[in-house]
């Protein structure tokens, strides 16, 4: 487990992982327990007694199921069966793995890791996927025991877990000391609300995207949009600080890494521009992009 903790992609000690909103629990006059992420959906007479709970996105692991959860209030959209995927988990010691289909052709068991900023695959898996690394590939810093190293960042055509599938998923290529195939990180998981059921050995993935509305432009809530922009801006800040450390150095290694960092800066700037374009098309307020 200590090895896994070192691979959480903590960039130079700066926490830039996406954050998610709070969940609220309330009990009606019949004693039925309700959960929602929208405080305004709770009837006013029950709001003073509503409890704030950790978001399901932060991997709540239910050990005992004391009460059933009733359907949410009619004002809140109920996910359809197509929006929910339930997959098997395999436990090995302190880690959970699940089967993942990469690029519609390579199946591997990856460690489920909500602390990893990206999906991570080892070089052997990258070779099976025919991924090539060249002078145009962005490299990003990743923390290790001895400091940090620059690792390639690539885009997978698709990542599928059960019925849950995301296209164009960013992934880091890195050799894990434990010899594992890789990590199922937040470049996939942040598109879903995730619940791990340690009793049944299941992971439930519920799509974060719902029906577009004024409060959910593009089908996503405020927390999702804010987290995406903060995430990419956070990476850009880290890369620009790192660039200054290499500028002025005349060594060949420094020049090579400076080139890689410049490519990464350009990549993340392009990603920010693309997210801004998507946000404008969906009608996302400007203050959600800051």
C-alpha atoms as a PDB file:
ATOM      1  CA  UNK A   1       0.000   0.000   0.000  1.00  0.00           C
ATOM      2  CA  UNK A   2       2.927   2.349   0.714  1.00  0.00           C
ATOM      3  CA  UNK A   3       4.059   1.941  -2.887  1.00  0.00           C
ATOM      4  CA  UNK A   4       0.605   2.882  -4.150  1.00  0.00           C
ATOM      5  CA  UNK A   5       0.509   5.979  -1.969  1.00  0.00           C
ATOM      6  CA  UNK A   6       3.692   7.218  -3.601  1.00  0.00           C
ATOM      7  CA  UNK A   7       2.014   7.014  -7.004  1.00  0.00           C
ATOM      8  CA  UNK A   8      -0.847   9.395  -6.309  1.00  0.00           C
ATOM      9  CA  UNK A   9       0.626  11.855  -8.797  1.00  0.00           C
ATOM     10  CA  UNK A  10       1.187  14.592  -6.220  1.00  0.00           C
ATOM     11  CA  UNK A  11       2.770  17.176  -8.453  1.00  0.00           C
ATOM     12  CA  UNK A  12       5.672  18.846  -6.675  1.00  0.00           C
ATOM     13  CA  UNK A  13       3.717  18.816  -3.449  1.00  0.00           C
ATOM     14  CA  UNK A  14       0.859  20.889  -4.892  1.00  0.00           C
ATOM     15  CA  UNK A  15      -2.614  19.420  -4.551  1.00  0.00           C
ATOM     16  CA  UNK A  16      -4.568  20.025  -7.720  1.00  0.00           C
ATOM     17  CA  UNK A  17      -6.928  17.066  -7.814  1.00  0.00           C
ATOM     18  CA  UNK A  18     -10.542  17.864  -8.729  1.00  0.00           C
ATOM     19  CA  UNK A  19     -12.918  18.530  -5.854  1.00  0.00           C
ATOM     20  CA  UNK A  20     -16.572  17.632  -5.640  1.00  0.00           C
ATOM     21  CA  UNK A  21     -19.670  18.922  -3.927  1.00  0.00           C
ATOM     22  CA  UNK A  22     -21.273  17.861  -0.666  1.00  0.00           C
ATOM     23  CA  UNK A  23     -24.120  15.416  -0.196  1.00  0.00           C
ATOM     24  CA  UNK A  24     -27.024  16.146   2.135  1.00  0.00           C
ATOM     25  CA  UNK A  25     -28.997  13.611   4.174  1.00  0.00           C
ATOM     26  CA  UNK A  26     -32.490  14.349   5.457  1.00  0.00           C
ATOM     27  CA  UNK A  27     -35.318  12.338   6.996  1.00  0.00           C
ATOM     28  CA  UNK A  28     -38.978  13.022   6.220  1.00  0.00           C
ATOM     29  CA  UNK A  29     -41.929  12.740   8.612  1.00  0.00           C
ATOM     30  CA  UNK A  30     -42.348   9.057   7.738  1.00  0.00           C
ATOM     31  CA  UNK A  31     -38.782   8.309   8.784  1.00  0.00           C
ATOM     32  CA  UNK A  32     -37.557   7.744   5.217  1.00  0.00           C
ATOM     33  CA  UNK A  33     -33.908   8.669   4.630  1.00  0.00           C
ATOM     34  CA  UNK A  34     -33.126  10.808   1.546  1.00  0.00           C
ATOM     35  CA  UNK A  35     -29.826  11.837  -0.066  1.00  0.00           C
ATOM     36  CA  UNK A  36     -29.229  14.718  -2.494  1.00  0.00           C
ATOM     37  CA  UNK A  37     -26.415  16.987  -3.684  1.00  0.00           C
ATOM     38  CA  UNK A  38     -28.806  19.957  -4.073  1.00  0.00           C
ATOM     39  CA  UNK A  39     -29.742  21.678  -0.798  1.00  0.00           C
ATOM     40  CA  UNK A  40     -32.547  23.595  -2.512  1.00  0.00           C
ATOM     41  CA  UNK A  41     -34.332  20.323  -3.327  1.00  0.00           C
ATOM     42  CA  UNK A  42     -34.893  19.604   0.380  1.00  0.00           C
ATOM     43  CA  UNK A  43     -38.295  20.857   1.640  1.00  0.00           C
ATOM     44  CA  UNK A  44     -37.745  23.955   3.771  1.00  0.00           C
ATOM     45  CA  UNK A  45     -39.116  22.410   6.954  1.00  0.00           C
ATOM     46  CA  UNK A  46     -36.470  19.663   6.801  1.00  0.00           C
ATOM     47  CA  UNK A  47     -33.443  21.826   5.877  1.00  0.00           C
ATOM     48  CA  UNK A  48     -32.454  22.830   9.450  1.00  0.00           C
ATOM     49  CA  UNK A  49     -32.005  19.153  10.340  1.00  0.00           C
ATOM     50  CA  UNK A  50     -30.260  18.126   7.103  1.00  0.00           C
ATOM     51  CA  UNK A  51     -26.853  16.518   7.625  1.00  0.00           C
ATOM     52  CA  UNK A  52     -23.846  17.181   5.410  1.00  0.00           C
ATOM     53  CA  UNK A  53     -22.179  13.988   4.230  1.00  0.00           C
ATOM     54  CA  UNK A  54     -19.049  13.201   2.244  1.00  0.00           C
ATOM     55  CA  UNK A  55     -19.730  13.018  -1.483  1.00  0.00           C
ATOM     56  CA  UNK A  56     -20.006   9.534  -2.981  1.00  0.00           C
ATOM     57  CA  UNK A  57     -17.278  10.652  -5.363  1.00  0.00           C
ATOM     58  CA  UNK A  58     -14.885  10.412  -2.443  1.00  0.00           C
ATOM     59  CA  UNK A  59     -15.365   6.654  -2.268  1.00  0.00           C
ATOM     60  CA  UNK A  60     -17.645   6.042   0.670  1.00  0.00           C
ATOM     61  CA  UNK A  61     -17.349   2.350   1.484  1.00  0.00           C
ATOM     62  CA  UNK A  62     -20.503   0.983   3.098  1.00  0.00           C
ATOM     63  CA  UNK A  63     -19.853  -1.720   5.678  1.00  0.00           C
ATOM     64  CA  UNK A  64     -23.384  -2.024   7.089  1.00  0.00           C
ATOM     65  CA  UNK A  65     -26.615  -1.267   5.241  1.00  0.00           C
ATOM     66  CA  UNK A  66     -29.023  -0.310   7.998  1.00  0.00           C
ATOM     67  CA  UNK A  67     -31.617   1.570   5.984  1.00  0.00           C
ATOM     68  CA  UNK A  68     -32.684   1.556   2.376  1.00  0.00           C
ATOM     69  CA  UNK A  69     -32.431   4.785   0.440  1.00  0.00           C
ATOM     70  CA  UNK A  70     -35.726   5.963  -0.969  1.00  0.00           C
ATOM     71  CA  UNK A  71     -35.995   7.448  -4.460  1.00  0.00           C
ATOM     72  CA  UNK A  72     -34.839  11.080  -4.507  1.00  0.00           C
ATOM     73  CA  UNK A  73     -37.378  13.923  -4.644  1.00  0.00           C
ATOM     74  CA  UNK A  74     -39.112  14.262  -8.001  1.00  0.00           C
ATOM     75  CA  UNK A  75     -37.248  17.506  -8.643  1.00  0.00           C
ATOM     76  CA  UNK A  76     -33.982  15.599  -8.867  1.00  0.00           C
ATOM     77  CA  UNK A  77     -33.327  13.579 -11.999  1.00  0.00           C
ATOM     78  CA  UNK A  78     -33.109   9.846 -11.328  1.00  0.00           C
ATOM     79  CA  UNK A  79     -30.354   8.143 -13.352  1.00  0.00           C
ATOM     80  CA  UNK A  80     -31.544   5.540 -15.810  1.00  0.00           C
ATOM     81  CA  UNK A  81     -30.147   2.011 -15.775  1.00  0.00           C
ATOM     82  CA  UNK A  82     -28.004   2.939 -18.766  1.00  0.00           C
ATOM     83  CA  UNK A  83     -26.302   5.631 -16.663  1.00  0.00           C
ATOM     84  CA  UNK A  84     -25.301   3.156 -13.942  1.00  0.00           C
ATOM     85  CA  UNK A  85     -22.647   0.450 -14.222  1.00  0.00           C
ATOM     86  CA  UNK A  86     -21.958  -2.153 -11.550  1.00  0.00           C
ATOM     87  CA  UNK A  87     -18.670  -4.033 -11.874  1.00  0.00           C
ATOM     88  CA  UNK A  88     -16.825  -6.687  -9.904  1.00  0.00           C
ATOM     89  CA  UNK A  89     -13.828  -5.824  -7.758  1.00  0.00           C
ATOM     90  CA  UNK A  90     -10.921  -8.086  -6.883  1.00  0.00           C
ATOM     91  CA  UNK A  91      -9.264  -7.423  -3.541  1.00  0.00           C
ATOM     92  CA  UNK A  92      -5.557  -8.090  -3.015  1.00  0.00           C
ATOM     93  CA  UNK A  93      -4.435  -7.035   0.432  1.00  0.00           C
ATOM     94  CA  UNK A  94      -5.235  -3.353   0.798  1.00  0.00           C
ATOM     95  CA  UNK A  95      -5.947  -2.648  -2.880  1.00  0.00           C
ATOM     96  CA  UNK A  96      -8.930  -3.150  -5.170  1.00  0.00           C
ATOM     97  CA  UNK A  97      -8.611  -3.928  -8.870  1.00  0.00           C
ATOM     98  CA  UNK A  98     -11.164  -4.170 -11.654  1.00  0.00           C
ATOM     99  CA  UNK A  99     -11.087  -5.308 -15.272  1.00  0.00           C
ATOM    100  CA  UNK A 100     -10.671  -2.444 -17.738  1.00  0.00           C
ATOM    101  CA  UNK A 101     -10.921  -2.504 -21.540  1.00  0.00           C
ATOM    102  CA  UNK A 102      -8.432  -0.093 -23.127  1.00  0.00           C
ATOM    103  CA  UNK A 103      -8.898   1.201 -26.682  1.00  0.00           C
ATOM    104  CA  UNK A 104     -11.588  -1.457 -27.258  1.00  0.00           C
ATOM    105  CA  UNK A 105      -9.030  -4.274 -27.513  1.00  0.00           C
ATOM    106  CA  UNK A 106      -6.724  -4.745 -24.503  1.00  0.00           C
ATOM    107  CA  UNK A 107      -8.151  -5.996 -21.193  1.00  0.00           C
ATOM    108  CA  UNK A 108      -6.180  -5.441 -17.987  1.00  0.00           C
ATOM    109  CA  UNK A 109      -6.887  -5.379 -14.267  1.00  0.00           C
ATOM    110  CA  UNK A 110      -6.064  -1.905 -12.934  1.00  0.00           C
ATOM    111  CA  UNK A 111      -5.945  -0.681  -9.346  1.00  0.00           C
ATOM    112  CA  UNK A 112      -8.903   1.582  -8.523  1.00  0.00           C
ATOM    113  CA  UNK A 113      -7.238   4.755  -7.225  1.00  0.00           C
ATOM    114  CA  UNK A 114      -9.252   7.924  -6.592  1.00  0.00           C
ATOM    115  CA  UNK A 115      -6.060   9.715  -5.527  1.00  0.00           C
ATOM    116  CA  UNK A 116      -4.416   9.424  -8.939  1.00  0.00           C
ATOM    117  CA  UNK A 117      -4.917  12.441 -11.177  1.00  0.00           C
ATOM    118  CA  UNK A 118      -4.754  10.288 -14.305  1.00  0.00           C
ATOM    119  CA  UNK A 119      -5.186   6.741 -15.494  1.00  0.00           C
ATOM    120  CA  UNK A 120      -1.748   5.123 -15.363  1.00  0.00           C
ATOM    121  CA  UNK A 121      -0.464   2.246 -17.508  1.00  0.00           C
ATOM    122  CA  UNK A 122       2.907   0.550 -17.500  1.00  0.00           C
ATOM    123  CA  UNK A 123       5.154   0.572 -20.608  1.00  0.00           C
ATOM    124  CA  UNK A 124       4.282  -3.038 -21.498  1.00  0.00           C
ATOM    125  CA  UNK A 125       0.578  -2.182 -21.664  1.00  0.00           C
ATOM    126  CA  UNK A 126       1.456   0.882 -23.767  1.00  0.00           C
ATOM    127  CA  UNK A 127       3.317  -1.365 -26.216  1.00  0.00           C
ATOM    128  CA  UNK A 128       0.327  -3.718 -26.440  1.00  0.00           C
ATOM    129  CA  UNK A 129      -1.744  -0.669 -27.358  1.00  0.00           C
ATOM    130  CA  UNK A 130       0.832   0.343 -30.024  1.00  0.00           C
ATOM    131  CA  UNK A 131       1.405   3.684 -28.317  1.00  0.00           C
ATOM    132  CA  UNK A 132       4.534   5.497 -29.476  1.00  0.00           C
ATOM    133  CA  UNK A 133       6.423   8.229 -27.637  1.00  0.00           C
ATOM    134  CA  UNK A 134       8.165  10.916 -29.702  1.00  0.00           C
ATOM    135  CA  UNK A 135       9.377  14.518 -29.552  1.00  0.00           C
ATOM    136  CA  UNK A 136       5.783  15.783 -29.667  1.00  0.00           C
ATOM    137  CA  UNK A 137       4.626  13.812 -26.610  1.00  0.00           C
ATOM    138  CA  UNK A 138       3.983  15.961 -23.506  1.00  0.00           C
ATOM    139  CA  UNK A 139       5.779  14.904 -20.326  1.00  0.00           C
ATOM    140  CA  UNK A 140       4.511  15.796 -16.867  1.00  0.00           C
ATOM    141  CA  UNK A 141       6.204  15.690 -13.427  1.00  0.00           C
ATOM    142  CA  UNK A 142       5.316  12.843 -11.094  1.00  0.00           C
ATOM    143  CA  UNK A 143       6.444  12.446  -7.504  1.00  0.00           C
ATOM    144  CA  UNK A 144       8.621   9.467  -6.561  1.00  0.00           C
ATOM    145  CA  UNK A 145      10.598   8.442  -3.476  1.00  0.00           C
ATOM    146  CA  UNK A 146      13.707  10.305  -4.654  1.00  0.00           C
ATOM    147  CA  UNK A 147      12.029  13.437  -5.984  1.00  0.00           C
ATOM    148  CA  UNK A 148      10.179  13.750  -9.274  1.00  0.00           C
ATOM    149  CA  UNK A 149      10.540  12.472 -12.811  1.00  0.00           C
ATOM    150  CA  UNK A 150       8.998  13.501 -16.115  1.00  0.00           C
ATOM    151  CA  UNK A 151       6.638  10.867 -17.502  1.00  0.00           C
ATOM    152  CA  UNK A 152       4.828  10.666 -20.869  1.00  0.00           C
ATOM    153  CA  UNK A 153       1.189  11.748 -21.026  1.00  0.00           C
ATOM    154  CA  UNK A 154      -0.860  10.140 -23.800  1.00  0.00           C
ATOM    155  CA  UNK A 155      -4.523  10.027 -24.771  1.00  0.00           C
ATOM    156  CA  UNK A 156      -6.304   6.675 -24.895  1.00  0.00           C
ATOM    157  CA  UNK A 157      -9.079   6.408 -27.463  1.00  0.00           C
ATOM    158  CA  UNK A 158     -11.389   4.844 -24.899  1.00  0.00           C
ATOM    159  CA  UNK A 159     -11.506   3.317 -21.425  1.00  0.00           C
ATOM    160  CA  UNK A 160     -14.376   0.976 -20.585  1.00  0.00           C
ATOM    161  CA  UNK A 161     -15.295  -0.507 -17.199  1.00  0.00           C
ATOM    162  CA  UNK A 162     -18.387  -2.684 -17.463  1.00  0.00           C
ATOM    163  CA  UNK A 163     -20.975  -0.516 -19.260  1.00  0.00           C
ATOM    164  CA  UNK A 164     -19.199   2.701 -18.276  1.00  0.00           C
ATOM    165  CA  UNK A 165     -17.088   4.111 -21.103  1.00  0.00           C
ATOM    166  CA  UNK A 166     -15.179   7.362 -21.568  1.00  0.00           C
ATOM    167  CA  UNK A 167     -13.466   8.418 -24.795  1.00  0.00           C
ATOM    168  CA  UNK A 168     -10.222  10.392 -25.130  1.00  0.00           C
ATOM    169  CA  UNK A 169      -8.871   9.584 -21.679  1.00  0.00           C
ATOM    170  CA  UNK A 170      -5.523  11.033 -20.588  1.00  0.00           C
ATOM    171  CA  UNK A 171      -3.088   8.451 -19.228  1.00  0.00           C
ATOM    172  CA  UNK A 172       0.431   8.512 -17.801  1.00  0.00           C
ATOM    173  CA  UNK A 173       2.951   5.826 -18.803  1.00  0.00           C
ATOM    174  CA  UNK A 174       5.045   4.693 -15.854  1.00  0.00           C
ATOM    175  CA  UNK A 175       6.628   1.504 -14.520  1.00  0.00           C
ATOM    176  CA  UNK A 176       5.101   0.740 -11.140  1.00  0.00           C
ATOM    177  CA  UNK A 177       7.545  -0.813  -8.638  1.00  0.00           C
ATOM    178  CA  UNK A 178       4.905  -3.373  -7.696  1.00  0.00           C
ATOM    179  CA  UNK A 179       4.722  -4.626 -11.286  1.00  0.00           C
ATOM    180  CA  UNK A 180       1.014  -3.788 -11.569  1.00  0.00           C
ATOM    181  CA  UNK A 181      -0.600  -3.025 -14.933  1.00  0.00           C
ATOM    182  CA  UNK A 182      -1.558   0.454 -13.765  1.00  0.00           C
ATOM    183  CA  UNK A 183      -4.139   2.618 -12.009  1.00  0.00           C
ATOM    184  CA  UNK A 184      -7.725   3.541 -12.837  1.00  0.00           C
ATOM    185  CA  UNK A 185      -7.466   7.215 -11.905  1.00  0.00           C
ATOM    186  CA  UNK A 186      -9.490  10.400 -12.104  1.00  0.00           C
ATOM    187  CA  UNK A 187      -9.141  11.072 -15.825  1.00  0.00           C
ATOM    188  CA  UNK A 188     -11.752   8.284 -16.008  1.00  0.00           C
ATOM    189  CA  UNK A 189     -13.346   8.272 -12.553  1.00  0.00           C
ATOM    190  CA  UNK A 190     -14.188  11.992 -12.433  1.00  0.00           C
ATOM    191  CA  UNK A 191     -16.933  11.406 -15.015  1.00  0.00           C
ATOM    192  CA  UNK A 192     -18.796   9.307 -12.454  1.00  0.00           C
ATOM    193  CA  UNK A 193     -20.057   9.194  -8.919  1.00  0.00           C
ATOM    194  CA  UNK A 194     -18.251   6.187  -7.499  1.00  0.00           C
ATOM    195  CA  UNK A 195     -19.257   3.892  -4.651  1.00  0.00           C
ATOM    196  CA  UNK A 196     -17.198   0.907  -3.514  1.00  0.00           C
ATOM    197  CA  UNK A 197     -19.152  -1.823  -1.752  1.00  0.00           C
ATOM    198  CA  UNK A 198     -16.570  -3.760   0.239  1.00  0.00           C
ATOM    199  CA  UNK A 199     -19.143  -6.311   1.408  1.00  0.00           C
ATOM    200  CA  UNK A 200     -20.306  -7.354  -2.058  1.00  0.00           C
ATOM    201  CA  UNK A 201     -17.010  -6.643  -3.815  1.00  0.00           C
ATOM    202  CA  UNK A 202     -18.667  -4.270  -6.264  1.00  0.00           C
ATOM    203  CA  UNK A 203     -18.034  -0.796  -7.684  1.00  0.00           C
ATOM    204  CA  UNK A 204     -21.041   1.263  -8.771  1.00  0.00           C
ATOM    205  CA  UNK A 205     -20.425   3.985 -11.350  1.00  0.00           C
ATOM    206  CA  UNK A 206     -23.176   6.549 -11.925  1.00  0.00           C
ATOM    207  CA  UNK A 207     -22.672   9.029 -14.750  1.00  0.00           C
ATOM    208  CA  UNK A 208     -22.128  12.614 -13.610  1.00  0.00           C
ATOM    209  CA  UNK A 209     -23.791  13.855 -16.800  1.00  0.00           C
ATOM    210  CA  UNK A 210     -27.528  14.393 -16.703  1.00  0.00           C
ATOM    211  CA  UNK A 211     -30.075  16.270 -18.776  1.00  0.00           C
ATOM    212  CA  UNK A 212     -28.845  19.799 -19.623  1.00  0.00           C
ATOM    213  CA  UNK A 213     -30.651  22.558 -17.741  1.00  0.00           C
ATOM    214  CA  UNK A 214     -29.907  26.147 -16.638  1.00  0.00           C
ATOM    215  CA  UNK A 215     -28.378  24.761 -13.422  1.00  0.00           C
ATOM    216  CA  UNK A 216     -26.534  21.956 -15.219  1.00  0.00           C
ATOM    217  CA  UNK A 217     -25.127  23.327 -18.495  1.00  0.00           C
ATOM    218  CA  UNK A 218     -24.054  20.510 -20.744  1.00  0.00           C
ATOM    219  CA  UNK A 219     -25.622  18.139 -18.227  1.00  0.00           C
ATOM    220  CA  UNK A 220     -22.965  18.801 -15.562  1.00  0.00           C
ATOM    221  CA  UNK A 221     -23.231  20.718 -12.300  1.00  0.00           C
ATOM    222  CA  UNK A 222     -21.107  23.618 -11.103  1.00  0.00           C
ATOM    223  CA  UNK A 223     -18.649  21.444  -9.164  1.00  0.00           C
ATOM    224  CA  UNK A 224     -17.729  19.452 -12.270  1.00  0.00           C
ATOM    225  CA  UNK A 225     -17.020  22.493 -14.422  1.00  0.00           C
ATOM    226  CA  UNK A 226     -15.095  24.319 -11.690  1.00  0.00           C
ATOM    227  CA  UNK A 227     -12.944  21.261 -10.981  1.00  0.00           C
ATOM    228  CA  UNK A 228     -11.963  20.807 -14.639  1.00  0.00           C
ATOM    229  CA  UNK A 229     -10.713  24.366 -15.045  1.00  0.00           C
ATOM    230  CA  UNK A 230      -8.886  24.353 -11.708  1.00  0.00           C
ATOM    231  CA  UNK A 231      -7.279  21.036 -12.572  1.00  0.00           C
ATOM    232  CA  UNK A 232      -5.752  22.169 -15.873  1.00  0.00           C
ATOM    233  CA  UNK A 233      -4.771  25.590 -14.526  1.00  0.00           C
ATOM    234  CA  UNK A 234      -3.105  23.860 -11.583  1.00  0.00           C
ATOM    235  CA  UNK A 235      -1.040  21.732 -13.920  1.00  0.00           C
ATOM    236  CA  UNK A 236      -0.058  24.765 -15.957  1.00  0.00           C
ATOM    237  CA  UNK A 237       1.149  26.583 -12.835  1.00  0.00           C
ATOM    238  CA  UNK A 238       3.289  23.598 -11.834  1.00  0.00           C
ATOM    239  CA  UNK A 239       4.790  23.257 -15.305  1.00  0.00           C
ATOM    240  CA  UNK A 240       5.598  26.960 -15.607  1.00  0.00           C
ATOM    241  CA  UNK A 241       7.381  26.929 -12.247  1.00  0.00           C
ATOM    242  CA  UNK A 242       9.303  23.847 -13.297  1.00  0.00           C
ATOM    243  CA  UNK A 243      10.255  25.507 -16.576  1.00  0.00           C
ATOM    244  CA  UNK A 244      12.021  28.317 -14.707  1.00  0.00           C
ATOM    245  CA  UNK A 245      14.188  25.754 -12.931  1.00  0.00           C
ATOM    246  CA  UNK A 246      15.518  24.475 -16.248  1.00  0.00           C
ATOM    247  CA  UNK A 247      15.939  27.777 -18.084  1.00  0.00           C
ATOM    248  CA  UNK A 248      19.528  28.916 -18.151  1.00  0.00           C
ATOM    249  CA  UNK A 249      20.977  25.441 -17.690  1.00  0.00           C
ATOM    250  CA  UNK A 250      23.310  24.400 -20.478  1.00  0.00           C
ATOM    251  CA  UNK A 251      23.303  20.647 -19.952  1.00  0.00           C
ATOM    252  CA  UNK A 252      21.899  18.349 -22.604  1.00  0.00           C
ATOM    253  CA  UNK A 253      19.570  16.678 -20.131  1.00  0.00           C
ATOM    254  CA  UNK A 254      18.177  20.029 -19.021  1.00  0.00           C
ATOM    255  CA  UNK A 255      17.561  21.087 -22.623  1.00  0.00           C
ATOM    256  CA  UNK A 256      15.743  17.823 -23.346  1.00  0.00           C
ATOM    257  CA  UNK A 257      13.529  18.137 -20.289  1.00  0.00           C
ATOM    258  CA  UNK A 258      12.883  21.827 -20.977  1.00  0.00           C
ATOM    259  CA  UNK A 259      11.651  20.861 -24.449  1.00  0.00           C
ATOM    260  CA  UNK A 260       9.351  18.246 -22.929  1.00  0.00           C
ATOM    261  CA  UNK A 261       7.999  20.757 -20.431  1.00  0.00           C
ATOM    262  CA  UNK A 262       7.325  23.304 -23.186  1.00  0.00           C
ATOM    263  CA  UNK A 263       5.385  20.658 -25.116  1.00  0.00           C
ATOM    264  CA  UNK A 264       3.369  19.903 -21.973  1.00  0.00           C
ATOM    265  CA  UNK A 265       2.634  23.597 -21.380  1.00  0.00           C
ATOM    266  CA  UNK A 266       1.351  23.913 -24.931  1.00  0.00           C
ATOM    267  CA  UNK A 267      -0.765  20.776 -24.464  1.00  0.00           C
ATOM    268  CA  UNK A 268      -2.422  22.000 -21.258  1.00  0.00           C
ATOM    269  CA  UNK A 269      -3.020  25.455 -22.733  1.00  0.00           C
ATOM    270  CA  UNK A 270      -4.760  23.770 -25.672  1.00  0.00           C
ATOM    271  CA  UNK A 271      -6.819  21.662 -23.276  1.00  0.00           C
ATOM    272  CA  UNK A 272      -7.889  24.759 -21.351  1.00  0.00           C
ATOM    273  CA  UNK A 273      -8.916  26.442 -24.595  1.00  0.00           C
ATOM    274  CA  UNK A 274     -10.905  23.360 -25.583  1.00  0.00           C
ATOM    275  CA  UNK A 275     -12.698  23.254 -22.227  1.00  0.00           C
ATOM    276  CA  UNK A 276     -13.448  26.959 -22.564  1.00  0.00           C
ATOM    277  CA  UNK A 277     -14.929  26.310 -26.000  1.00  0.00           C
ATOM    278  CA  UNK A 278     -17.104  23.480 -24.625  1.00  0.00           C
ATOM    279  CA  UNK A 279     -18.170  25.658 -21.706  1.00  0.00           C
ATOM    280  CA  UNK A 280     -19.166  28.537 -23.980  1.00  0.00           C
ATOM    281  CA  UNK A 281     -21.183  26.208 -26.198  1.00  0.00           C
ATOM    282  CA  UNK A 282     -22.971  24.769 -23.139  1.00  0.00           C
ATOM    283  CA  UNK A 283     -23.613  28.197 -21.595  1.00  0.00           C
ATOM    284  CA  UNK A 284     -21.394  27.732 -18.539  1.00  0.00           C
ATOM    285  CA  UNK A 285     -21.138  30.957 -16.476  1.00  0.00           C
ATOM    286  CA  UNK A 286     -17.784  32.726 -16.646  1.00  0.00           C
ATOM    287  CA  UNK A 287     -17.234  32.533 -12.886  1.00  0.00           C
ATOM    288  CA  UNK A 288     -17.387  28.713 -13.072  1.00  0.00           C
ATOM    289  CA  UNK A 289     -14.279  28.792 -15.250  1.00  0.00           C
ATOM    290  CA  UNK A 290     -12.044  30.836 -12.963  1.00  0.00           C
END
